[in-house]
């Protein structure tokens, strides 16, 4: 049992020592990333003990088997925490290291979204499809007549329903508002995630003003190539980032051919390996999304 004793001793230690090097106070973004790393390490440690506890309670699992499985999961979680940390630091560097804190006035915003690259017209539905290893995924995005006030900002509600082989897997209400410049801001979402026909969780949900969550820009009225920006911000939950990479792009999808499209690269440090390319057509919105890792294409097939 020498190995088991060693593993337990290491687990108790926790490996929770701070990352090397002090971070200057002005680098607020980096400080947040470091705190997230500490959270990830602590969570990996807590999950280790929970997994081990459940294994010990299982009459069909030996102590050694349970310990090895829990330890393996812990190591994987710690590696994931480090990868997220490095990705978060990269985002901080790209954004100048400063703490994210947009200064916005609700009086400068409207629920009417008329942005040329992302217009949200009440009553209009855009329908997309893509093939995945699990089957056909269909997404219906409908701009509702509904509005909602989020932290003092009156927002338009956009419903996004995802189906897999005809079964609902996600039903989301997103909240957007447009500023005086014509830029569209994202103020949060409520995401209902389903499994086997039952509501499973609300993962991905967030709201500006709750838990210090902050809105982000989802689309500029006059985008500039090379611009990097946050689309949302709630540490450890909503950290999507985007970069404008090209303009004047032609895109072919089942619904038709679109010219003068805007190409945006989108990713989140919470999933370092996941990167999407999104194409926005003037007067329409998103017409194509490409997963750069798998090559899967979510294509516009219909507008109602």
Foldseek 3Di string as FASTA:
>chain_A
DVVLVVLVVVLVVLPLDFDPDDDDPQLVLLVLLSVQLSVLSVVLSVQLVVQLVVQVVDPVHDNVRSNVVSSVSSVVSNVLSVLLSVLSVVLCVLVVSGDDDDDDDLVQKDQQQDQQQAGADAPKKWKWWWADPQGIKIKIKHFHPDWDAAPNHIWTWIWIWIDGPRHTFKIKIWTWIAGNQNWIKTFWMFMFGDDPNHGDDRALGDGPPPQPWDIWTPGGSDDDAQDKIFHIDDPPGGTKIKGWHDFQDWDQFQQGIATGWTWMKMDGSSPNQWIKIFITGGPPHTAWIATPVPRMIIGTNDMD
